[in-house]
Amino acid sequence: YRKRKVFFGTTGKIDDLIPTMVKHKQE
């Protein structure tokens, strides 16, 4: 487990995770 490569949301819904994914648009 490395913090720099694991990201998570708080609500359990994918909608909540999308802003973080957008910050990593190149992935």
PDB file of all heavy atoms in Angstrom:
ATOM      1  N   TYR A   1       0.848  -1.194   0.000  1.00  0.00           N
ATOM      2  CA  TYR A   1       0.000   0.000   0.000  1.00  0.00           C
ATOM      3  C   TYR A   1       0.881   1.240   0.000  1.00  0.00           C
ATOM      4  O   TYR A   1       1.628   1.465   0.935  1.00  0.00           O
ATOM      5  CB  TYR A   1      -0.885  -0.038   1.257  1.00  0.00           C
ATOM      6  CG  TYR A   1      -2.001   0.975   1.284  1.00  0.00           C
ATOM      7  CD1 TYR A   1      -3.268   0.645   0.828  1.00  0.00           C
ATOM      8  CD2 TYR A   1      -1.798   2.263   1.792  1.00  0.00           C
ATOM      9  CE1 TYR A   1      -4.311   1.554   0.866  1.00  0.00           C
ATOM     10  CE2 TYR A   1      -2.828   3.181   1.833  1.00  0.00           C
ATOM     11  CZ  TYR A   1      -4.084   2.828   1.371  1.00  0.00           C
ATOM     12  OH  TYR A   1      -5.113   3.733   1.406  1.00  0.00           O
ATOM     13  N   ARG A   2       0.790   2.017  -1.070  1.00  0.00           N
ATOM     14  CA  ARG A   2       1.556   3.279  -1.101  1.00  0.00           C
ATOM     15  C   ARG A   2       0.589   4.420  -1.317  1.00  0.00           C
ATOM     16  O   ARG A   2      -0.134   4.439  -2.302  1.00  0.00           O
ATOM     17  CB  ARG A   2       2.578   3.240  -2.228  1.00  0.00           C
ATOM     18  CG  ARG A   2       3.725   2.281  -1.954  1.00  0.00           C
ATOM     19  CD  ARG A   2       4.927   2.668  -2.813  1.00  0.00           C
ATOM     20  NE  ARG A   2       6.002   1.720  -2.616  1.00  0.00           N
ATOM     21  CZ  ARG A   2       6.124   0.595  -3.330  1.00  0.00           C
ATOM     22  NH1 ARG A   2       5.233   0.316  -4.260  1.00  0.00           N
ATOM     23  NH2 ARG A   2       7.131  -0.217  -3.121  1.00  0.00           N
ATOM     24  N   LYS A   3       0.617   5.354  -0.396  1.00  0.00           N
ATOM     25  CA  LYS A   3      -0.336   6.471  -0.457  1.00  0.00           C
ATOM     26  C   LYS A   3      -0.334   7.194  -1.810  1.00  0.00           C
ATOM     27  O   LYS A   3      -1.346   7.624  -2.302  1.00  0.00           O
ATOM     28  CB  LYS A   3      -0.034   7.481   0.656  1.00  0.00           C
ATOM     29  CG  LYS A   3      -0.522   6.993   2.017  1.00  0.00           C
ATOM     30  CD  LYS A   3      -1.220   8.101   2.764  1.00  0.00           C
ATOM     31  CE  LYS A   3      -2.009   7.707   3.986  1.00  0.00           C
ATOM     32  NZ  LYS A   3      -1.815   6.451   4.611  1.00  0.00           N
ATOM     33  N   ARG A   4       0.843   7.301  -2.428  1.00  0.00           N
ATOM     34  CA  ARG A   4       0.904   8.087  -3.660  1.00  0.00           C
ATOM     35  C   ARG A   4       0.180   7.421  -4.836  1.00  0.00           C
ATOM     36  O   ARG A   4      -0.019   8.029  -5.866  1.00  0.00           O
ATOM     37  CB  ARG A   4       2.357   8.392  -4.034  1.00  0.00           C
ATOM     38  CG  ARG A   4       3.180   7.176  -4.348  1.00  0.00           C
ATOM     39  CD  ARG A   4       4.649   7.558  -4.604  1.00  0.00           C
ATOM     40  NE  ARG A   4       5.527   6.408  -4.495  1.00  0.00           N
ATOM     41  CZ  ARG A   4       5.672   5.507  -5.435  1.00  0.00           C
ATOM     42  NH1 ARG A   4       4.975   5.581  -6.542  1.00  0.00           N
ATOM     43  NH2 ARG A   4       6.504   4.488  -5.275  1.00  0.00           N
ATOM     44  N   LYS A   5      -0.165   6.147  -4.675  1.00  0.00           N
ATOM     45  CA  LYS A   5      -0.843   5.524  -5.819  1.00  0.00           C
ATOM     46  C   LYS A   5      -2.238   4.995  -5.481  1.00  0.00           C
ATOM     47  O   LYS A   5      -2.855   4.311  -6.286  1.00  0.00           O
ATOM     48  CB  LYS A   5       0.027   4.423  -6.433  1.00  0.00           C
ATOM     49  CG  LYS A   5       0.349   3.278  -5.510  1.00  0.00           C
ATOM     50  CD  LYS A   5       1.072   2.182  -6.272  1.00  0.00           C
ATOM     51  CE  LYS A   5       1.149   0.937  -5.399  1.00  0.00           C
ATOM     52  NZ  LYS A   5       1.769  -0.190  -6.075  1.00  0.00           N
ATOM     53  N   VAL A   6      -2.721   5.296  -4.264  1.00  0.00           N
ATOM     54  CA  VAL A   6      -4.076   4.867  -3.889  1.00  0.00           C
ATOM     55  C   VAL A   6      -4.913   6.096  -3.537  1.00  0.00           C
ATOM     56  O   VAL A   6      -4.518   6.908  -2.707  1.00  0.00           O
ATOM     57  CB  VAL A   6      -4.051   3.879  -2.699  1.00  0.00           C
ATOM     58  CG1 VAL A   6      -5.464   3.443  -2.334  1.00  0.00           C
ATOM     59  CG2 VAL A   6      -3.217   2.641  -3.041  1.00  0.00           C
ATOM     60  N   PHE A   7      -6.056   6.222  -4.189  1.00  0.00           N
ATOM     61  CA  PHE A   7      -6.942   7.370  -3.969  1.00  0.00           C
ATOM     62  C   PHE A   7      -8.322   6.846  -3.595  1.00  0.00           C
ATOM     63  O   PHE A   7      -8.724   5.787  -4.083  1.00  0.00           O
ATOM     64  CB  PHE A   7      -7.043   8.222  -5.249  1.00  0.00           C
ATOM     65  CG  PHE A   7      -5.703   8.611  -5.799  1.00  0.00           C
ATOM     66  CD1 PHE A   7      -5.028   7.758  -6.676  1.00  0.00           C
ATOM     67  CD2 PHE A   7      -5.100   9.801  -5.423  1.00  0.00           C
ATOM     68  CE1 PHE A   7      -3.765   8.103  -7.173  1.00  0.00           C
ATOM     69  CE2 PHE A   7      -3.843  10.156  -5.921  1.00  0.00           C
ATOM     70  CZ  PHE A   7      -3.175   9.300  -6.798  1.00  0.00           C
ATOM     71  N   PHE A   8      -9.025   7.573  -2.727  1.00  0.00           N
ATOM     72  CA  PHE A   8     -10.350   7.065  -2.354  1.00  0.00           C
ATOM     73  C   PHE A   8     -11.351   8.183  -2.112  1.00  0.00           C
ATOM     74  O   PHE A   8     -10.989   9.320  -1.815  1.00  0.00           O
ATOM     75  CB  PHE A   8     -10.279   6.156  -1.118  1.00  0.00           C
ATOM     76  CG  PHE A   8      -9.572   6.765   0.063  1.00  0.00           C
ATOM     77  CD1 PHE A   8     -10.250   7.593   0.948  1.00  0.00           C
ATOM     78  CD2 PHE A   8      -8.225   6.508   0.286  1.00  0.00           C
ATOM     79  CE1 PHE A   8      -9.600   8.156   2.037  1.00  0.00           C
ATOM     80  CE2 PHE A   8      -7.560   7.075   1.369  1.00  0.00           C
ATOM     81  CZ  PHE A   8      -8.253   7.893   2.253  1.00  0.00           C
ATOM     82  N   GLY A   9     -12.631   7.826  -2.261  1.00  0.00           N
ATOM     83  CA  GLY A   9     -13.723   8.759  -1.999  1.00  0.00           C
ATOM     84  C   GLY A   9     -14.230   8.550  -0.580  1.00  0.00           C
ATOM     85  O   GLY A   9     -13.710   7.722   0.167  1.00  0.00           O
ATOM     86  N   THR A  10     -15.266   9.291  -0.207  1.00  0.00           N
ATOM     87  CA  THR A  10     -15.766   9.184   1.168  1.00  0.00           C
ATOM     88  C   THR A  10     -17.191   8.639   1.242  1.00  0.00           C
ATOM     89  O   THR A  10     -17.596   8.110   2.261  1.00  0.00           O
ATOM     90  CB  THR A  10     -15.740  10.565   1.861  1.00  0.00           C
ATOM     91  OG1 THR A  10     -16.383  11.498   0.988  1.00  0.00           O
ATOM     92  CG2 THR A  10     -14.327  11.028   2.133  1.00  0.00           C
ATOM     93  N   THR A  11     -17.947   8.751   0.147  1.00  0.00           N
ATOM     94  CA  THR A  11     -19.373   8.406   0.255  1.00  0.00           C
ATOM     95  C   THR A  11     -19.703   6.979  -0.174  1.00  0.00           C
ATOM     96  O   THR A  11     -20.790   6.491   0.073  1.00  0.00           O
ATOM     97  CB  THR A  11     -20.235   9.354  -0.615  1.00  0.00           C
ATOM     98  OG1 THR A  11     -19.832   9.167  -1.986  1.00  0.00           O
ATOM     99  CG2 THR A  11     -20.059  10.792  -0.219  1.00  0.00           C
ATOM    100  N   GLY A  12     -18.746   6.311  -0.874  1.00  0.00           N
ATOM    101  CA  GLY A  12     -19.058   4.969  -1.366  1.00  0.00           C
ATOM    102  C   GLY A  12     -19.713   5.020  -2.741  1.00  0.00           C
ATOM    103  O   GLY A  12     -20.023   3.994  -3.324  1.00  0.00           O
ATOM    104  N   LYS A  13     -19.907   6.242  -3.251  1.00  0.00           N
ATOM    105  CA  LYS A  13     -20.504   6.394  -4.590  1.00  0.00           C
ATOM    106  C   LYS A  13     -19.417   6.852  -5.564  1.00  0.00           C
ATOM    107  O   LYS A  13     -18.573   7.671  -5.208  1.00  0.00           O
ATOM    108  CB  LYS A  13     -21.636   7.428  -4.570  1.00  0.00           C
ATOM    109  CG  LYS A  13     -22.865   6.975  -3.805  1.00  0.00           C
ATOM    110  CD  LYS A  13     -24.052   7.854  -4.177  1.00  0.00           C
ATOM    111  CE  LYS A  13     -25.348   7.316  -3.588  1.00  0.00           C
ATOM    112  NZ  LYS A  13     -25.546   7.705  -2.196  1.00  0.00           N
ATOM    113  N   ILE A  14     -19.487   6.337  -6.768  1.00  0.00           N
ATOM    114  CA  ILE A  14     -18.436   6.671  -7.740  1.00  0.00           C
ATOM    115  C   ILE A  14     -18.444   8.159  -8.108  1.00  0.00           C
ATOM    116  O   ILE A  14     -17.406   8.740  -8.397  1.00  0.00           O
ATOM    117  CB  ILE A  14     -18.515   5.751  -8.983  1.00  0.00           C
ATOM    118  CG1 ILE A  14     -17.189   5.797  -9.752  1.00  0.00           C
ATOM    119  CG2 ILE A  14     -19.705   6.085  -9.855  1.00  0.00           C
ATOM    120  CD1 ILE A  14     -16.841   4.552 -10.498  1.00  0.00           C
ATOM    121  N   ASP A  15     -19.629   8.807  -8.014  1.00  0.00           N
ATOM    122  CA  ASP A  15     -19.735  10.253  -8.321  1.00  0.00           C
ATOM    123  C   ASP A  15     -18.723  11.056  -7.503  1.00  0.00           C
ATOM    124  O   ASP A  15     -18.145  12.031  -7.970  1.00  0.00           O
ATOM    125  CB  ASP A  15     -21.121  10.823  -7.978  1.00  0.00           C
ATOM    126  CG  ASP A  15     -22.246   9.839  -8.071  1.00  0.00           C
ATOM    127  OD1 ASP A  15     -22.015   8.644  -7.817  1.00  0.00           O
ATOM    128  OD2 ASP A  15     -23.362  10.262  -8.385  1.00  0.00           O
ATOM    129  N   ASP A  16     -18.528  10.615  -6.252  1.00  0.00           N
ATOM    130  CA  ASP A  16     -17.677  11.316  -5.302  1.00  0.00           C
ATOM    131  C   ASP A  16     -16.192  11.152  -5.664  1.00  0.00           C
ATOM    132  O   ASP A  16     -15.348  11.950  -5.284  1.00  0.00           O
ATOM    133  CB  ASP A  16     -17.967  10.727  -3.914  1.00  0.00           C
ATOM    134  CG  ASP A  16     -17.127  11.362  -2.829  1.00  0.00           C
ATOM    135  OD1 ASP A  16     -17.065  12.597  -2.806  1.00  0.00           O
ATOM    136  OD2 ASP A  16     -16.531  10.630  -2.015  1.00  0.00           O
ATOM    137  N   LEU A  17     -15.885  10.083  -6.408  1.00  0.00           N
ATOM    138  CA  LEU A  17     -14.501   9.765  -6.770  1.00  0.00           C
ATOM    139  C   LEU A  17     -14.090  10.475  -8.061  1.00  0.00           C
ATOM    140  O   LEU A  17     -12.908  10.694  -8.314  1.00  0.00           O
ATOM    141  CB  LEU A  17     -14.409   8.239  -6.957  1.00  0.00           C
ATOM    142  CG  LEU A  17     -13.060   7.557  -7.050  1.00  0.00           C
ATOM    143  CD1 LEU A  17     -12.222   7.854  -5.820  1.00  0.00           C
ATOM    144  CD2 LEU A  17     -13.247   6.051  -7.205  1.00  0.00           C
ATOM    145  N   ILE A  18     -15.086  10.846  -8.865  1.00  0.00           N
ATOM    146  CA  ILE A  18     -14.801  11.400 -10.192  1.00  0.00           C
ATOM    147  C   ILE A  18     -13.948  12.677 -10.172  1.00  0.00           C
ATOM    148  O   ILE A  18     -13.001  12.785 -10.942  1.00  0.00           O
ATOM    149  CB  ILE A  18     -16.101  11.526 -11.024  1.00  0.00           C
ATOM    150  CG1 ILE A  18     -16.487  10.111 -11.447  1.00  0.00           C
ATOM    151  CG2 ILE A  18     -15.920  12.435 -12.231  1.00  0.00           C
ATOM    152  CD1 ILE A  18     -17.760   9.952 -12.198  1.00  0.00           C
ATOM    153  N   PRO A  19     -14.193  13.662  -9.255  1.00  0.00           N
ATOM    154  CA  PRO A  19     -13.315  14.842  -9.233  1.00  0.00           C
ATOM    155  C   PRO A  19     -11.835  14.470  -9.079  1.00  0.00           C
ATOM    156  O   PRO A  19     -10.962  15.078  -9.701  1.00  0.00           O
ATOM    157  CB  PRO A  19     -13.814  15.639  -8.019  1.00  0.00           C
ATOM    158  CG  PRO A  19     -15.242  15.208  -7.860  1.00  0.00           C
ATOM    159  CD  PRO A  19     -15.290  13.774  -8.272  1.00  0.00           C
ATOM    160  N   THR A  20     -11.536  13.451  -8.255  1.00  0.00           N
ATOM    161  CA  THR A  20     -10.143  12.996  -8.072  1.00  0.00           C
ATOM    162  C   THR A  20      -9.621  12.381  -9.374  1.00  0.00           C
ATOM    163  O   THR A  20      -8.474  12.613  -9.764  1.00  0.00           O
ATOM    164  CB  THR A  20     -10.067  11.943  -6.936  1.00  0.00           C
ATOM    165  OG1 THR A  20     -10.766  12.441  -5.803  1.00  0.00           O
ATOM    166  CG2 THR A  20      -8.640  11.623  -6.549  1.00  0.00           C
ATOM    167  N   MET A  21     -10.481  11.605 -10.042  1.00  0.00           N
ATOM    168  CA  MET A  21     -10.071  10.978 -11.303  1.00  0.00           C
ATOM    169  C   MET A  21      -9.791  12.038 -12.370  1.00  0.00           C
ATOM    170  O   MET A  21      -8.869  11.898 -13.170  1.00  0.00           O
ATOM    171  CB  MET A  21     -11.153  10.001 -11.778  1.00  0.00           C
ATOM    172  CG  MET A  21     -11.260   8.767 -10.891  1.00  0.00           C
ATOM    173  SD  MET A  21     -12.742   7.772 -11.243  1.00  0.00           S
ATOM    174  CE  MET A  21     -12.336   7.071 -12.838  1.00  0.00           C
ATOM    175  N   VAL A  22     -10.582  13.108 -12.347  1.00  0.00           N
ATOM    176  CA  VAL A  22     -10.406  14.197 -13.327  1.00  0.00           C
ATOM    177  C   VAL A  22      -9.046  14.877 -13.135  1.00  0.00           C
ATOM    178  O   VAL A  22      -8.393  15.291 -14.093  1.00  0.00           O
ATOM    179  CB  VAL A  22     -11.582  15.204 -13.236  1.00  0.00           C
ATOM    180  CG1 VAL A  22     -11.302  16.462 -14.059  1.00  0.00           C
ATOM    181  CG2 VAL A  22     -12.875  14.548 -13.711  1.00  0.00           C
ATOM    182  N   LYS A  23      -8.590  14.944 -11.869  1.00  0.00           N
ATOM    183  CA  LYS A  23      -7.269  15.537 -11.585  1.00  0.00           C
ATOM    184  C   LYS A  23      -6.155  14.694 -12.204  1.00  0.00           C
ATOM    185  O   LYS A  23      -5.030  15.145 -12.364  1.00  0.00           O
ATOM    186  CB  LYS A  23      -7.048  15.640 -10.065  1.00  0.00           C
ATOM    187  CG  LYS A  23      -7.809  16.780  -9.425  1.00  0.00           C
ATOM    188  CD  LYS A  23      -7.551  16.815  -7.930  1.00  0.00           C
ATOM    189  CE  LYS A  23      -8.487  17.784  -7.225  1.00  0.00           C
ATOM    190  NZ  LYS A  23      -8.530  17.546  -5.769  1.00  0.00           N
ATOM    191  N   HIS A  24      -6.476  13.420 -12.490  1.00  0.00           N
ATOM    192  CA  HIS A  24      -5.498  12.503 -13.100  1.00  0.00           C
ATOM    193  C   HIS A  24      -5.987  12.131 -14.500  1.00  0.00           C
ATOM    194  O   HIS A  24      -6.079  10.960 -14.841  1.00  0.00           O
ATOM    195  CB  HIS A  24      -5.348  11.248 -12.229  1.00  0.00           C
ATOM    196  CG  HIS A  24      -4.813  11.541 -10.862  1.00  0.00           C
ATOM    197  ND1 HIS A  24      -3.485  11.429 -10.536  1.00  0.00           N
ATOM    198  CD2 HIS A  24      -5.444  11.969  -9.731  1.00  0.00           C
ATOM    199  CE1 HIS A  24      -3.317  11.776  -9.261  1.00  0.00           C
ATOM    200  NE2 HIS A  24      -4.485  12.104  -8.751  1.00  0.00           N
ATOM    201  N   LYS A  25      -6.293  13.149 -15.263  1.00  0.00           N
ATOM    202  CA  LYS A  25      -6.914  12.980 -16.582  1.00  0.00           C
ATOM    203  C   LYS A  25      -6.069  12.142 -17.542  1.00  0.00           C
ATOM    204  O   LYS A  25      -6.583  11.527 -18.473  1.00  0.00           O
ATOM    205  CB  LYS A  25      -7.174  14.363 -17.198  1.00  0.00           C
ATOM    206  CG  LYS A  25      -8.574  14.490 -17.761  1.00  0.00           C
ATOM    207  CD  LYS A  25      -8.816  15.852 -18.370  1.00  0.00           C
ATOM    208  CE  LYS A  25     -10.087  15.865 -19.176  1.00  0.00           C
ATOM    209  NZ  LYS A  25     -11.321  15.907 -18.428  1.00  0.00           N
ATOM    210  N   GLN A  26      -4.734  12.130 -17.302  1.00  0.00           N
ATOM    211  CA  GLN A  26      -3.839  11.412 -18.216  1.00  0.00           C
ATOM    212  C   GLN A  26      -3.925   9.890 -18.059  1.00  0.00           C
ATOM    213  O   GLN A  26      -3.494   9.140 -18.925  1.00  0.00           O
ATOM    214  CB  GLN A  26      -2.388  11.893 -18.027  1.00  0.00           C
ATOM    215  CG  GLN A  26      -1.672  11.422 -16.760  1.00  0.00           C
ATOM    216  CD  GLN A  26      -2.143  12.090 -15.462  1.00  0.00           C
ATOM    217  OE1 GLN A  26      -3.028  12.951 -15.465  1.00  0.00           O
ATOM    218  NE2 GLN A  26      -1.568  11.685 -14.343  1.00  0.00           N
ATOM    219  N   GLU A  27      -4.503   9.432 -16.937  1.00  0.00           N
ATOM    220  CA  GLU A  27      -4.567   7.980 -16.688  1.00  0.00           C
ATOM    221  C   GLU A  27      -5.544   7.282 -17.636  1.00  0.00           C
ATOM    222  O   GLU A  27      -6.517   7.873 -18.095  1.00  0.00           O
ATOM    223  CB  GLU A  27      -5.013   7.692 -15.237  1.00  0.00           C
ATOM    224  CG  GLU A  27      -4.174   8.329 -14.157  1.00  0.00           C
ATOM    225  CD  GLU A  27      -2.726   7.865 -14.122  1.00  0.00           C
ATOM    226  OE1 GLU A  27      -2.380   6.825 -14.733  1.00  0.00           O
ATOM    227  OE2 GLU A  27      -1.915   8.568 -13.486  1.00  0.00           O
TER     228      GLU A  27
END
